[in-house]
Amino acid sequence: MGPAMLTSIVHRITGDGLAIVGGLLFTWWLAALAAGKESYDYFLSWFTGPSWNILGYIIGVGLTFSLFQHMMSGIRHFVLDTGAGYELKTNKTGAILTFVGALVLTILFWGILLKDVILGVAK
């Protein structure tokens, strides 16, 4: 399977993942917010705080990578829709760059988000 086909398949998977997992988390967040402080604090404990719930961070990083991968792939499809980028080498390079770009953006995003934790800065 070539990178262009893989990019297309991953684009669909990340879109579905964002819709399903992101939608469920958004619904949980809204329900927790509406249910009161205790429920909302429980929701937040999954993603923040001293407990450092690893599952929450895996889900967060996964959704972030999915968002950036889906976005980069969408930009690639937009360029292809203009009629550019169909040359074999260009198409392959563009497909690979969607994954590289998504990975770099994910690392930058989480690096900025957690810079105080990474650097050991106390609040």
PDB file of N, CA and C in Angstrom:
ATOM      1  N   MET A   1       0.849  -1.168   0.000  1.00  0.00           N
ATOM      2  CA  MET A   1       0.000   0.000   0.000  1.00  0.00           C
ATOM      3  C   MET A   1       0.899   1.238   0.000  1.00  0.00           C
ATOM      4  N   GLY A   2       0.621   2.147  -0.903  1.00  0.00           N
ATOM      5  CA  GLY A   2       1.403   3.376  -1.000  1.00  0.00           C
ATOM      6  C   GLY A   2       0.971   4.411   0.027  1.00  0.00           C
ATOM      7  N   PRO A   3       1.810   5.423   0.219  1.00  0.00           N
ATOM      8  CA  PRO A   3       1.484   6.450   1.209  1.00  0.00           C
ATOM      9  C   PRO A   3       0.211   7.228   0.882  1.00  0.00           C
ATOM     10  N   ALA A   4      -0.087   7.424  -0.402  1.00  0.00           N
ATOM     11  CA  ALA A   4      -1.298   8.165  -0.774  1.00  0.00           C
ATOM     12  C   ALA A   4      -2.550   7.401  -0.353  1.00  0.00           C
ATOM     13  N   MET A   5      -2.546   6.086  -0.567  1.00  0.00           N
ATOM     14  CA  MET A   5      -3.693   5.271  -0.168  1.00  0.00           C
ATOM     15  C   MET A   5      -3.805   5.234   1.358  1.00  0.00           C
ATOM     16  N   LEU A   6      -2.673   5.095   2.028  1.00  0.00           N
ATOM     17  CA  LEU A   6      -2.671   5.073   3.490  1.00  0.00           C
ATOM     18  C   LEU A   6      -3.202   6.395   4.054  1.00  0.00           C
ATOM     19  N   THR A   7      -2.780   7.505   3.451  1.00  0.00           N
ATOM     20  CA  THR A   7      -3.258   8.815   3.896  1.00  0.00           C
ATOM     21  C   THR A   7      -4.764   8.923   3.747  1.00  0.00           C
ATOM     22  N   SER A   8      -5.286   8.433   2.648  1.00  0.00           N
ATOM     23  CA  SER A   8      -6.731   8.478   2.412  1.00  0.00           C
ATOM     24  C   SER A   8      -7.493   7.641   3.437  1.00  0.00           C
ATOM     25  N   ILE A   9      -6.985   6.462   3.725  1.00  0.00           N
ATOM     26  CA  ILE A   9      -7.637   5.583   4.703  1.00  0.00           C
ATOM     27  C   ILE A   9      -7.560   6.196   6.106  1.00  0.00           C
ATOM     28  N   VAL A  10      -6.382   6.704   6.471  1.00  0.00           N
ATOM     29  CA  VAL A  10      -6.210   7.308   7.793  1.00  0.00           C
ATOM     30  C   VAL A  10      -7.071   8.565   7.928  1.00  0.00           C
ATOM     31  N   HIS A  11      -7.256   9.300   6.825  1.00  0.00           N
ATOM     32  CA  HIS A  11      -8.125  10.479   6.845  1.00  0.00           C
ATOM     33  C   HIS A  11      -9.543  10.085   7.263  1.00  0.00           C
ATOM     34  N   ARG A  12     -10.042   9.000   6.710  1.00  0.00           N
ATOM     35  CA  ARG A  12     -11.387   8.530   7.069  1.00  0.00           C
ATOM     36  C   ARG A  12     -11.437   8.037   8.523  1.00  0.00           C
ATOM     37  N   ILE A  13     -10.420   7.306   8.934  1.00  0.00           N
ATOM     38  CA  ILE A  13     -10.378   6.776  10.304  1.00  0.00           C
ATOM     39  C   ILE A  13     -10.297   7.912  11.322  1.00  0.00           C
ATOM     40  N   THR A  14      -9.445   8.900  11.062  1.00  0.00           N
ATOM     41  CA  THR A  14      -9.321  10.009  12.009  1.00  0.00           C
ATOM     42  C   THR A  14     -10.602  10.839  12.051  1.00  0.00           C
ATOM     43  N   GLY A  15     -11.258  10.995  10.916  1.00  0.00           N
ATOM     44  CA  GLY A  15     -12.537  11.713  10.907  1.00  0.00           C
ATOM     45  C   GLY A  15     -13.584  11.005  11.742  1.00  0.00           C
ATOM     46  N   ASP A  16     -13.667   9.688  11.578  1.00  0.00           N
ATOM     47  CA  ASP A  16     -14.613   8.904  12.382  1.00  0.00           C
ATOM     48  C   ASP A  16     -14.241   8.949  13.860  1.00  0.00           C
ATOM     49  N   GLY A  17     -12.954   8.824  14.156  1.00  0.00           N
ATOM     50  CA  GLY A  17     -12.500   8.868  15.547  1.00  0.00           C
ATOM     51  C   GLY A  17     -12.799  10.199  16.211  1.00  0.00           C
ATOM     52  N   LEU A  18     -12.567  11.276  15.477  1.00  0.00           N
ATOM     53  CA  LEU A  18     -12.867  12.600  16.023  1.00  0.00           C
ATOM     54  C   LEU A  18     -14.356  12.756  16.281  1.00  0.00           C
ATOM     55  N   ALA A  19     -15.166  12.264  15.348  1.00  0.00           N
ATOM     56  CA  ALA A  19     -16.620  12.396  15.506  1.00  0.00           C
ATOM     57  C   ALA A  19     -17.136  11.543  16.663  1.00  0.00           C
ATOM     58  N   ILE A  20     -16.689  10.301  16.742  1.00  0.00           N
ATOM     59  CA  ILE A  20     -17.217   9.383  17.757  1.00  0.00           C
ATOM     60  C   ILE A  20     -16.609   9.673  19.134  1.00  0.00           C
ATOM     61  N   VAL A  21     -15.292   9.564  19.244  1.00  0.00           N
ATOM     62  CA  VAL A  21     -14.637   9.755  20.543  1.00  0.00           C
ATOM     63  C   VAL A  21     -14.759  11.208  20.998  1.00  0.00           C
ATOM     64  N   GLY A  22     -14.489  12.129  20.091  1.00  0.00           N
ATOM     65  CA  GLY A  22     -14.619  13.543  20.436  1.00  0.00           C
ATOM     66  C   GLY A  22     -16.042  13.907  20.818  1.00  0.00           C
ATOM     67  N   GLY A  23     -17.010  13.357  20.090  1.00  0.00           N
ATOM     68  CA  GLY A  23     -18.413  13.620  20.410  1.00  0.00           C
ATOM     69  C   GLY A  23     -18.817  13.069  21.765  1.00  0.00           C
ATOM     70  N   LEU A  24     -18.350  11.861  22.072  1.00  0.00           N
ATOM     71  CA  LEU A  24     -18.655  11.267  23.377  1.00  0.00           C
ATOM     72  C   LEU A  24     -18.010  12.059  24.517  1.00  0.00           C
ATOM     73  N   LEU A  25     -16.757  12.472  24.330  1.00  0.00           N
ATOM     74  CA  LEU A  25     -16.089  13.273  25.365  1.00  0.00           C
ATOM     75  C   LEU A  25     -16.761  14.632  25.535  1.00  0.00           C
ATOM     76  N   PHE A  26     -17.169  15.237  24.438  1.00  0.00           N
ATOM     77  CA  PHE A  26     -17.856  16.527  24.516  1.00  0.00           C
ATOM     78  C   PHE A  26     -19.187  16.377  25.245  1.00  0.00           C
ATOM     79  N   THR A  27     -19.909  15.298  24.958  1.00  0.00           N
ATOM     80  CA  THR A  27     -21.179  15.038  25.644  1.00  0.00           C
ATOM     81  C   THR A  27     -20.945  14.803  27.134  1.00  0.00           C
ATOM     82  N   TRP A  28     -19.919  14.019  27.474  1.00  0.00           N
ATOM     83  CA  TRP A  28     -19.580  13.774  28.880  1.00  0.00           C
ATOM     84  C   TRP A  28     -19.234  15.091  29.569  1.00  0.00           C
ATOM     85  N   TRP A  29     -18.444  15.936  28.899  1.00  0.00           N
ATOM     86  CA  TRP A  29     -18.061  17.225  29.463  1.00  0.00           C
ATOM     87  C   TRP A  29     -19.292  18.092  29.731  1.00  0.00           C
ATOM     88  N   LEU A  30     -20.205  18.165  28.747  1.00  0.00           N
ATOM     89  CA  LEU A  30     -21.421  18.965  28.938  1.00  0.00           C
ATOM     90  C   LEU A  30     -22.284  18.418  30.071  1.00  0.00           C
ATOM     91  N   ALA A  31     -22.440  17.092  30.124  1.00  0.00           N
ATOM     92  CA  ALA A  31     -23.246  16.473  31.185  1.00  0.00           C
ATOM     93  C   ALA A  31     -22.611  16.722  32.551  1.00  0.00           C
ATOM     94  N   ALA A  32     -21.293  16.603  32.636  1.00  0.00           N
ATOM     95  CA  ALA A  32     -20.591  16.849  33.905  1.00  0.00           C
ATOM     96  C   ALA A  32     -20.720  18.308  34.313  1.00  0.00           C
ATOM     97  N   LEU A  33     -20.644  19.187  33.356  1.00  0.00           N
ATOM     98  CA  LEU A  33     -20.786  20.615  33.630  1.00  0.00           C
ATOM     99  C   LEU A  33     -22.182  20.930  34.153  1.00  0.00           C
ATOM    100  N   ALA A  34     -23.182  20.298  33.562  1.00  0.00           N
ATOM    101  CA  ALA A  34     -24.572  20.532  33.973  1.00  0.00           C
ATOM    102  C   ALA A  34     -24.896  19.876  35.310  1.00  0.00           C
ATOM    103  N   ALA A  35     -24.196  18.791  35.649  1.00  0.00           N
ATOM    104  CA  ALA A  35     -24.516  18.030  36.863  1.00  0.00           C
ATOM    105  C   ALA A  35     -23.948  18.650  38.140  1.00  0.00           C
ATOM    106  N   GLY A  36     -23.027  19.571  38.009  1.00  0.00           N
ATOM    107  CA  GLY A  36     -22.502  20.221  39.207  1.00  0.00           C
ATOM    108  C   GLY A  36     -21.009  20.050  39.390  1.00  0.00           C
ATOM    109  N   LYS A  37     -20.515  20.695  40.421  1.00  0.00           N
ATOM    110  CA  LYS A  37     -19.076  20.752  40.675  1.00  0.00           C
ATOM    111  C   LYS A  37     -18.443  19.379  40.874  1.00  0.00           C
ATOM    112  N   GLU A  38     -19.095  18.522  41.628  1.00  0.00           N
ATOM    113  CA  GLU A  38     -18.526  17.199  41.904  1.00  0.00           C
ATOM    114  C   GLU A  38     -18.338  16.391  40.614  1.00  0.00           C
ATOM    115  N   SER A  39     -19.359  16.397  39.776  1.00  0.00           N
ATOM    116  CA  SER A  39     -19.280  15.671  38.501  1.00  0.00           C
ATOM    117  C   SER A  39     -18.228  16.279  37.588  1.00  0.00           C
ATOM    118  N   TYR A  40     -18.179  17.603  37.557  1.00  0.00           N
ATOM    119  CA  TYR A  40     -17.206  18.277  36.705  1.00  0.00           C
ATOM    120  C   TYR A  40     -15.783  18.025  37.199  1.00  0.00           C
ATOM    121  N   ASP A  41     -15.586  18.029  38.508  1.00  0.00           N
ATOM    122  CA  ASP A  41     -14.267  17.728  39.064  1.00  0.00           C
ATOM    123  C   ASP A  41     -13.833  16.305  38.718  1.00  0.00           C
ATOM    124  N   TYR A  42     -14.785  15.372  38.725  1.00  0.00           N
ATOM    125  CA  TYR A  42     -14.462  13.993  38.343  1.00  0.00           C
ATOM    126  C   TYR A  42     -14.028  13.938  36.878  1.00  0.00           C
ATOM    127  N   PHE A  43     -14.754  14.648  36.020  1.00  0.00           N
ATOM    128  CA  PHE A  43     -14.381  14.700  34.600  1.00  0.00           C
ATOM    129  C   PHE A  43     -12.964  15.253  34.456  1.00  0.00           C
ATOM    130  N   LEU A  44     -12.691  16.362  35.123  1.00  0.00           N
ATOM    131  CA  LEU A  44     -11.366  16.984  35.028  1.00  0.00           C
ATOM    132  C   LEU A  44     -10.263  16.080  35.563  1.00  0.00           C
ATOM    133  N   SER A  45     -10.591  15.252  36.559  1.00  0.00           N
ATOM    134  CA  SER A  45      -9.570  14.368  37.127  1.00  0.00           C
ATOM    135  C   SER A  45      -9.048  13.370  36.099  1.00  0.00           C
ATOM    136  N   TRP A  46      -9.816  13.140  35.050  1.00  0.00           N
ATOM    137  CA  TRP A  46      -9.369  12.239  33.991  1.00  0.00           C
ATOM    138  C   TRP A  46      -8.312  12.876  33.100  1.00  0.00           C
ATOM    139  N   PHE A  47      -8.258  14.199  33.080  1.00  0.00           N
ATOM    140  CA  PHE A  47      -7.381  14.873  32.126  1.00  0.00           C
ATOM    141  C   PHE A  47      -6.391  15.846  32.752  1.00  0.00           C
ATOM    142  N   THR A  48      -6.565  16.172  34.018  1.00  0.00           N
ATOM    143  CA  THR A  48      -5.665  17.134  34.653  1.00  0.00           C
ATOM    144  C   THR A  48      -5.388  16.700  36.081  1.00  0.00           C
ATOM    145  N   GLY A  49      -4.655  17.530  36.776  1.00  0.00           N
ATOM    146  CA  GLY A  49      -4.473  17.308  38.204  1.00  0.00           C
ATOM    147  C   GLY A  49      -3.312  16.412  38.542  1.00  0.00           C
ATOM    148  N   PRO A  50      -3.132  16.218  39.842  1.00  0.00           N
ATOM    149  CA  PRO A  50      -1.982  15.464  40.323  1.00  0.00           C
ATOM    150  C   PRO A  50      -2.059  13.968  40.007  1.00  0.00           C
ATOM    151  N   SER A  51      -3.250  13.473  39.701  1.00  0.00           N
ATOM    152  CA  SER A  51      -3.372  12.031  39.446  1.00  0.00           C
ATOM    153  C   SER A  51      -2.692  11.630  38.143  1.00  0.00           C
ATOM    154  N   TRP A  52      -2.553  12.575  37.220  1.00  0.00           N
ATOM    155  CA  TRP A  52      -1.933  12.285  35.930  1.00  0.00           C
ATOM    156  C   TRP A  52      -2.472  10.999  35.320  1.00  0.00           C
ATOM    157  N   ASN A  53      -3.768  10.923  35.183  1.00  0.00           N
ATOM    158  CA  ASN A  53      -4.402   9.746  34.620  1.00  0.00           C
ATOM    159  C   ASN A  53      -3.865   9.493  33.214  1.00  0.00           C
ATOM    160  N   ILE A  54      -3.095   8.442  33.057  1.00  0.00           N
ATOM    161  CA  ILE A  54      -2.415   8.160  31.794  1.00  0.00           C
ATOM    162  C   ILE A  54      -3.406   7.898  30.664  1.00  0.00           C
ATOM    163  N   LEU A  55      -4.529   7.270  30.952  1.00  0.00           N
ATOM    164  CA  LEU A  55      -5.532   7.019  29.917  1.00  0.00           C
ATOM    165  C   LEU A  55      -6.086   8.329  29.361  1.00  0.00           C
ATOM    166  N   GLY A  56      -6.305   9.292  30.230  1.00  0.00           N
ATOM    167  CA  GLY A  56      -6.775  10.604  29.785  1.00  0.00           C
ATOM    168  C   GLY A  56      -5.784  11.276  28.850  1.00  0.00           C
ATOM    169  N   TYR A  57      -4.500  11.167  29.169  1.00  0.00           N
ATOM    170  CA  TYR A  57      -3.484  11.766  28.311  1.00  0.00           C
ATOM    171  C   TYR A  57      -3.345  11.009  26.998  1.00  0.00           C
ATOM    172  N   ILE A  58      -3.469   9.700  27.018  1.00  0.00           N
ATOM    173  CA  ILE A  58      -3.419   8.923  25.777  1.00  0.00           C
ATOM    174  C   ILE A  58      -4.571   9.332  24.868  1.00  0.00           C
ATOM    175  N   ILE A  59      -5.758   9.459  25.443  1.00  0.00           N
ATOM    176  CA  ILE A  59      -6.921   9.888  24.659  1.00  0.00           C
ATOM    177  C   ILE A  59      -6.703  11.305  24.132  1.00  0.00           C
ATOM    178  N   GLY A  60      -6.194  12.187  24.981  1.00  0.00           N
ATOM    179  CA  GLY A  60      -5.946  13.566  24.564  1.00  0.00           C
ATOM    180  C   GLY A  60      -4.931  13.671  23.437  1.00  0.00           C
ATOM    181  N   VAL A  61      -3.819  12.972  23.574  1.00  0.00           N
ATOM    182  CA  VAL A  61      -2.792  12.993  22.533  1.00  0.00           C
ATOM    183  C   VAL A  61      -3.328  12.334  21.263  1.00  0.00           C
ATOM    184  N   GLY A  62      -4.060  11.238  21.410  1.00  0.00           N
ATOM    185  CA  GLY A  62      -4.638  10.566  20.246  1.00  0.00           C
ATOM    186  C   GLY A  62      -5.613  11.447  19.490  1.00  0.00           C
ATOM    187  N   LEU A  63      -6.477  12.141  20.223  1.00  0.00           N
ATOM    188  CA  LEU A  63      -7.421  13.052  19.570  1.00  0.00           C
ATOM    189  C   LEU A  63      -6.697  14.227  18.920  1.00  0.00           C
ATOM    190  N   THR A  64      -5.652  14.710  19.569  1.00  0.00           N
ATOM    191  CA  THR A  64      -4.882  15.816  19.001  1.00  0.00           C
ATOM    192  C   THR A  64      -4.194  15.383  17.714  1.00  0.00           C
ATOM    193  N   PHE A  65      -3.549  14.209  17.736  1.00  0.00           N
ATOM    194  CA  PHE A  65      -2.916  13.708  16.519  1.00  0.00           C
ATOM    195  C   PHE A  65      -3.965  13.493  15.434  1.00  0.00           C
ATOM    196  N   SER A  66      -5.111  12.944  15.802  1.00  0.00           N
ATOM    197  CA  SER A  66      -6.182  12.724  14.824  1.00  0.00           C
ATOM    198  C   SER A  66      -6.634  14.037  14.202  1.00  0.00           C
ATOM    199  N   LEU A  67      -6.777  15.059  15.033  1.00  0.00           N
ATOM    200  CA  LEU A  67      -7.196  16.368  14.527  1.00  0.00           C
ATOM    201  C   LEU A  67      -6.173  16.918  13.537  1.00  0.00           C
ATOM    202  N   PHE A  68      -4.894  16.899  13.914  1.00  0.00           N
ATOM    203  CA  PHE A  68      -3.867  17.444  13.031  1.00  0.00           C
ATOM    204  C   PHE A  68      -3.689  16.584  11.778  1.00  0.00           C
ATOM    205  N   GLN A  69      -3.771  15.267  11.907  1.00  0.00           N
ATOM    206  CA  GLN A  69      -3.663  14.393  10.739  1.00  0.00           C
ATOM    207  C   GLN A  69      -4.829  14.645   9.788  1.00  0.00           C
ATOM    208  N   HIS A  70      -6.024  14.740  10.325  1.00  0.00           N
ATOM    209  CA  HIS A  70      -7.215  14.982   9.505  1.00  0.00           C
ATOM    210  C   HIS A  70      -7.105  16.349   8.821  1.00  0.00           C
ATOM    211  N   MET A  71      -6.608  17.344   9.555  1.00  0.00           N
ATOM    212  CA  MET A  71      -6.443  18.681   8.999  1.00  0.00           C
ATOM    213  C   MET A  71      -5.389  18.688   7.884  1.00  0.00           C
ATOM    214  N   MET A  72      -4.246  18.073   8.128  1.00  0.00           N
ATOM    215  CA  MET A  72      -3.181  18.042   7.118  1.00  0.00           C
ATOM    216  C   MET A  72      -3.628  17.277   5.873  1.00  0.00           C
ATOM    217  N   SER A  73      -4.332  16.181   6.084  1.00  0.00           N
ATOM    218  CA  SER A  73      -4.845  15.404   4.960  1.00  0.00           C
ATOM    219  C   SER A  73      -5.902  16.195   4.193  1.00  0.00           C
ATOM    220  N   GLY A  74      -6.721  16.943   4.914  1.00  0.00           N
ATOM    221  CA  GLY A  74      -7.719  17.790   4.261  1.00  0.00           C
ATOM    222  C   GLY A  74      -7.072  18.863   3.409  1.00  0.00           C
ATOM    223  N   ILE A  75      -5.991  19.453   3.907  1.00  0.00           N
ATOM    224  CA  ILE A  75      -5.253  20.449   3.124  1.00  0.00           C
ATOM    225  C   ILE A  75      -4.668  19.796   1.876  1.00  0.00           C
ATOM    226  N   ARG A  76      -4.141  18.592   2.037  1.00  0.00           N
ATOM    227  CA  ARG A  76      -3.597  17.855   0.889  1.00  0.00           C
ATOM    228  C   ARG A  76      -4.684  17.600  -0.150  1.00  0.00           C
ATOM    229  N   HIS A  77      -5.864  17.178   0.310  1.00  0.00           N
ATOM    230  CA  HIS A  77      -6.975  16.940  -0.618  1.00  0.00           C
ATOM    231  C   HIS A  77      -7.406  18.234  -1.298  1.00  0.00           C
ATOM    232  N   PHE A  78      -7.371  19.344  -0.563  1.00  0.00           N
ATOM    233  CA  PHE A  78      -7.708  20.638  -1.146  1.00  0.00           C
ATOM    234  C   PHE A  78      -6.742  20.976  -2.282  1.00  0.00           C
ATOM    235  N   VAL A  79      -5.443  20.760  -2.057  1.00  0.00           N
ATOM    236  CA  VAL A  79      -4.440  21.011  -3.097  1.00  0.00           C
ATOM    237  C   VAL A  79      -4.689  20.094  -4.290  1.00  0.00           C
ATOM    238  N   LEU A  80      -4.982  18.824  -4.027  1.00  0.00           N
ATOM    239  CA  LEU A  80      -5.267  17.895  -5.119  1.00  0.00           C
ATOM    240  C   LEU A  80      -6.507  18.317  -5.899  1.00  0.00           C
ATOM    241  N   ASP A  81      -7.487  18.891  -5.217  1.00  0.00           N
ATOM    242  CA  ASP A  81      -8.703  19.357  -5.894  1.00  0.00           C
ATOM    243  C   ASP A  81      -8.429  20.501  -6.863  1.00  0.00           C
ATOM    244  N   THR A  82      -7.325  21.209  -6.663  1.00  0.00           N
ATOM    245  CA  THR A  82      -6.974  22.286  -7.590  1.00  0.00           C
ATOM    246  C   THR A  82      -6.316  21.738  -8.850  1.00  0.00           C
ATOM    247  N   GLY A  83      -6.006  20.452  -8.849  1.00  0.00           N
ATOM    248  CA  GLY A  83      -5.364  19.826 -10.001  1.00  0.00           C
ATOM    249  C   GLY A  83      -3.860  19.700  -9.848  1.00  0.00           C
ATOM    250  N   ALA A  84      -3.333  20.166  -8.742  1.00  0.00           N
ATOM    251  CA  ALA A  84      -1.886  20.101  -8.505  1.00  0.00           C
ATOM    252  C   ALA A  84      -1.546  18.879  -7.657  1.00  0.00           C
ATOM    253  N   GLY A  85      -0.308  18.444  -7.755  1.00  0.00           N
ATOM    254  CA  GLY A  85       0.182  17.397  -6.869  1.00  0.00           C
ATOM    255  C   GLY A  85      -0.107  15.973  -7.301  1.00  0.00           C
ATOM    256  N   TYR A  86      -0.490  15.768  -8.554  1.00  0.00           N
ATOM    257  CA  TYR A  86      -0.792  14.410  -9.002  1.00  0.00           C
ATOM    258  C   TYR A  86       0.424  13.683  -9.576  1.00  0.00           C
ATOM    259  N   GLU A  87       1.539  14.406  -9.748  1.00  0.00           N
ATOM    260  CA  GLU A  87       2.745  13.735 -10.203  1.00  0.00           C
ATOM    261  C   GLU A  87       3.136  12.717  -9.133  1.00  0.00           C
ATOM    262  N   LEU A  88       3.606  11.567  -9.552  1.00  0.00           N
ATOM    263  CA  LEU A  88       3.831  10.449  -8.630  1.00  0.00           C
ATOM    264  C   LEU A  88       4.715  10.831  -7.437  1.00  0.00           C
ATOM    265  N   LYS A  89       5.862  11.459  -7.717  1.00  0.00           N
ATOM    266  CA  LYS A  89       6.780  11.812  -6.634  1.00  0.00           C
ATOM    267  C   LYS A  89       6.164  12.880  -5.720  1.00  0.00           C
ATOM    268  N   THR A  90       5.513  13.865  -6.306  1.00  0.00           N
ATOM    269  CA  THR A  90       4.879  14.932  -5.525  1.00  0.00           C
ATOM    270  C   THR A  90       3.760  14.382  -4.660  1.00  0.00           C
ATOM    271  N   ASN A  91       2.966  13.482  -5.228  1.00  0.00           N
ATOM    272  CA  ASN A  91       1.847  12.880  -4.495  1.00  0.00           C
ATOM    273  C   ASN A  91       2.362  12.078  -3.301  1.00  0.00           C
ATOM    274  N   LYS A  92       3.411  11.297  -3.533  1.00  0.00           N
ATOM    275  CA  LYS A  92       3.985  10.484  -2.455  1.00  0.00           C
ATOM    276  C   LYS A  92       4.574  11.379  -1.361  1.00  0.00           C
ATOM    277  N   THR A  93       5.292  12.413  -1.760  1.00  0.00           N
ATOM    278  CA  THR A  93       5.886  13.343  -0.794  1.00  0.00           C
ATOM    279  C   THR A  93       4.807  14.047   0.019  1.00  0.00           C
ATOM    280  N   GLY A  94       3.758  14.501  -0.654  1.00  0.00           N
ATOM    281  CA  GLY A  94       2.654  15.168   0.046  1.00  0.00           C
ATOM    282  C   GLY A  94       1.973  14.253   1.047  1.00  0.00           C
ATOM    283  N   ALA A  95       1.803  12.995   0.669  1.00  0.00           N
ATOM    284  CA  ALA A  95       1.165  12.027   1.568  1.00  0.00           C
ATOM    285  C   ALA A  95       2.022  11.791   2.811  1.00  0.00           C
ATOM    286  N   ILE A  96       3.319  11.663   2.613  1.00  0.00           N
ATOM    287  CA  ILE A  96       4.223  11.454   3.750  1.00  0.00           C
ATOM    288  C   ILE A  96       4.254  12.694   4.646  1.00  0.00           C
ATOM    289  N   LEU A  97       4.223  13.873   4.027  1.00  0.00           N
ATOM    290  CA  LEU A  97       4.269  15.118   4.804  1.00  0.00           C
ATOM    291  C   LEU A  97       3.037  15.302   5.685  1.00  0.00           C
ATOM    292  N   THR A  98       1.902  14.706   5.311  1.00  0.00           N
ATOM    293  CA  THR A  98       0.722  14.819   6.181  1.00  0.00           C
ATOM    294  C   THR A  98       0.990  14.151   7.530  1.00  0.00           C
ATOM    295  N   PHE A  99       1.673  13.014   7.504  1.00  0.00           N
ATOM    296  CA  PHE A  99       1.989  12.313   8.751  1.00  0.00           C
ATOM    297  C   PHE A  99       3.074  13.053   9.541  1.00  0.00           C
ATOM    298  N   VAL A 100       4.098  13.511   8.845  1.00  0.00           N
ATOM    299  CA  VAL A 100       5.179  14.246   9.509  1.00  0.00           C
ATOM    300  C   VAL A 100       4.637  15.534  10.124  1.00  0.00           C
ATOM    301  N   GLY A 101       3.837  16.263   9.353  1.00  0.00           N
ATOM    302  CA  GLY A 101       3.253  17.509   9.850  1.00  0.00           C
ATOM    303  C   GLY A 101       2.366  17.287  11.055  1.00  0.00           C
ATOM    304  N   ALA A 102       1.537  16.247  10.997  1.00  0.00           N
ATOM    305  CA  ALA A 102       0.646  15.946  12.124  1.00  0.00           C
ATOM    306  C   ALA A 102       1.444  15.591  13.372  1.00  0.00           C
ATOM    307  N   LEU A 103       2.497  14.823  13.208  1.00  0.00           N
ATOM    308  CA  LEU A 103       3.336  14.442  14.347  1.00  0.00           C
ATOM    309  C   LEU A 103       4.036  15.665  14.949  1.00  0.00           C
ATOM    310  N   VAL A 104       4.601  16.510  14.099  1.00  0.00           N
ATOM    311  CA  VAL A 104       5.290  17.715  14.575  1.00  0.00           C
ATOM    312  C   VAL A 104       4.311  18.644  15.291  1.00  0.00           C
ATOM    313  N   LEU A 105       3.137  18.871  14.707  1.00  0.00           N
ATOM    314  CA  LEU A 105       2.143  19.745  15.331  1.00  0.00           C
ATOM    315  C   LEU A 105       1.656  19.185  16.664  1.00  0.00           C
ATOM    316  N   THR A 106       1.492  17.864  16.740  1.00  0.00           N
ATOM    317  CA  THR A 106       1.062  17.238  17.994  1.00  0.00           C
ATOM    318  C   THR A 106       2.117  17.422  19.080  1.00  0.00           C
ATOM    319  N   ILE A 107       3.372  17.193  18.731  1.00  0.00           N
ATOM    320  CA  ILE A 107       4.460  17.366  19.703  1.00  0.00           C
ATOM    321  C   ILE A 107       4.555  18.822  20.147  1.00  0.00           C
ATOM    322  N   LEU A 108       4.458  19.752  19.211  1.00  0.00           N
ATOM    323  CA  LEU A 108       4.498  21.178  19.564  1.00  0.00           C
ATOM    324  C   LEU A 108       3.331  21.559  20.467  1.00  0.00           C
ATOM    325  N   PHE A 109       2.130  21.102  20.117  1.00  0.00           N
ATOM    326  CA  PHE A 109       0.934  21.427  20.894  1.00  0.00           C
ATOM    327  C   PHE A 109       1.071  20.947  22.331  1.00  0.00           C
ATOM    328  N   TRP A 110       1.440  19.672  22.499  1.00  0.00           N
ATOM    329  CA  TRP A 110       1.551  19.116  23.850  1.00  0.00           C
ATOM    330  C   TRP A 110       2.772  19.658  24.580  1.00  0.00           C
ATOM    331  N   GLY A 111       3.817  19.994  23.849  1.00  0.00           N
ATOM    332  CA  GLY A 111       4.978  20.618  24.481  1.00  0.00           C
ATOM    333  C   GLY A 111       4.627  21.976  25.069  1.00  0.00           C
ATOM    334  N   ILE A 112       3.859  22.761  24.317  1.00  0.00           N
ATOM    335  CA  ILE A 112       3.415  24.070  24.813  1.00  0.00           C
ATOM    336  C   ILE A 112       2.436  23.893  25.965  1.00  0.00           C
ATOM    337  N   LEU A 113       1.514  22.958  25.812  1.00  0.00           N
ATOM    338  CA  LEU A 113       0.494  22.729  26.834  1.00  0.00           C
ATOM    339  C   LEU A 113       1.104  22.279  28.162  1.00  0.00           C
ATOM    340  N   LEU A 114       2.126  21.445  28.083  1.00  0.00           N
ATOM    341  CA  LEU A 114       2.722  20.870  29.294  1.00  0.00           C
ATOM    342  C   LEU A 114       4.113  21.423  29.602  1.00  0.00           C
ATOM    343  N   LYS A 115       4.444  22.590  29.051  1.00  0.00           N
ATOM    344  CA  LYS A 115       5.811  23.105  29.227  1.00  0.00           C
ATOM    345  C   LYS A 115       6.187  23.276  30.692  1.00  0.00           C
ATOM    346  N   ASP A 116       5.247  23.726  31.523  1.00  0.00           N
ATOM    347  CA  ASP A 116       5.561  23.896  32.946  1.00  0.00           C
ATOM    348  C   ASP A 116       5.833  22.554  33.618  1.00  0.00           C
ATOM    349  N   VAL A 117       5.076  21.547  33.241  1.00  0.00           N
ATOM    350  CA  VAL A 117       5.278  20.211  33.809  1.00  0.00           C
ATOM    351  C   VAL A 117       6.610  19.643  33.337  1.00  0.00           C
ATOM    352  N   ILE A 118       6.900  19.822  32.045  1.00  0.00           N
ATOM    353  CA  ILE A 118       8.143  19.302  31.480  1.00  0.00           C
ATOM    354  C   ILE A 118       9.357  19.984  32.113  1.00  0.00           C
ATOM    355  N   LEU A 119       9.264  21.298  32.305  1.00  0.00           N
ATOM    356  CA  LEU A 119      10.382  22.057  32.875  1.00  0.00           C
ATOM    357  C   LEU A 119      10.421  22.014  34.396  1.00  0.00           C
ATOM    358  N   GLY A 120       9.390  21.441  35.005  1.00  0.00           N
ATOM    359  CA  GLY A 120       9.346  21.329  36.455  1.00  0.00           C
ATOM    360  C   GLY A 120       9.036  22.634  37.161  1.00  0.00           C
ATOM    361  N   VAL A 121       8.331  23.522  36.480  1.00  0.00           N
ATOM    362  CA  VAL A 121       7.975  24.817  37.070  1.00  0.00           C
ATOM    363  C   VAL A 121       6.752  24.639  37.952  1.00  0.00           C
ATOM    364  N   ALA A 122       6.863  25.068  39.193  1.00  0.00           N
ATOM    365  CA  ALA A 122       5.730  24.981  40.126  1.00  0.00           C
ATOM    366  C   ALA A 122       4.807  26.172  39.912  1.00  0.00           C
ATOM    367  N   LYS A 123       3.510  25.920  40.059  1.00  0.00           N
ATOM    368  CA  LYS A 123       2.532  27.003  39.902  1.00  0.00           C
ATOM    369  C   LYS A 123       2.305  27.703  41.209  1.00  0.00           C
TER     370      LYS A 123
END
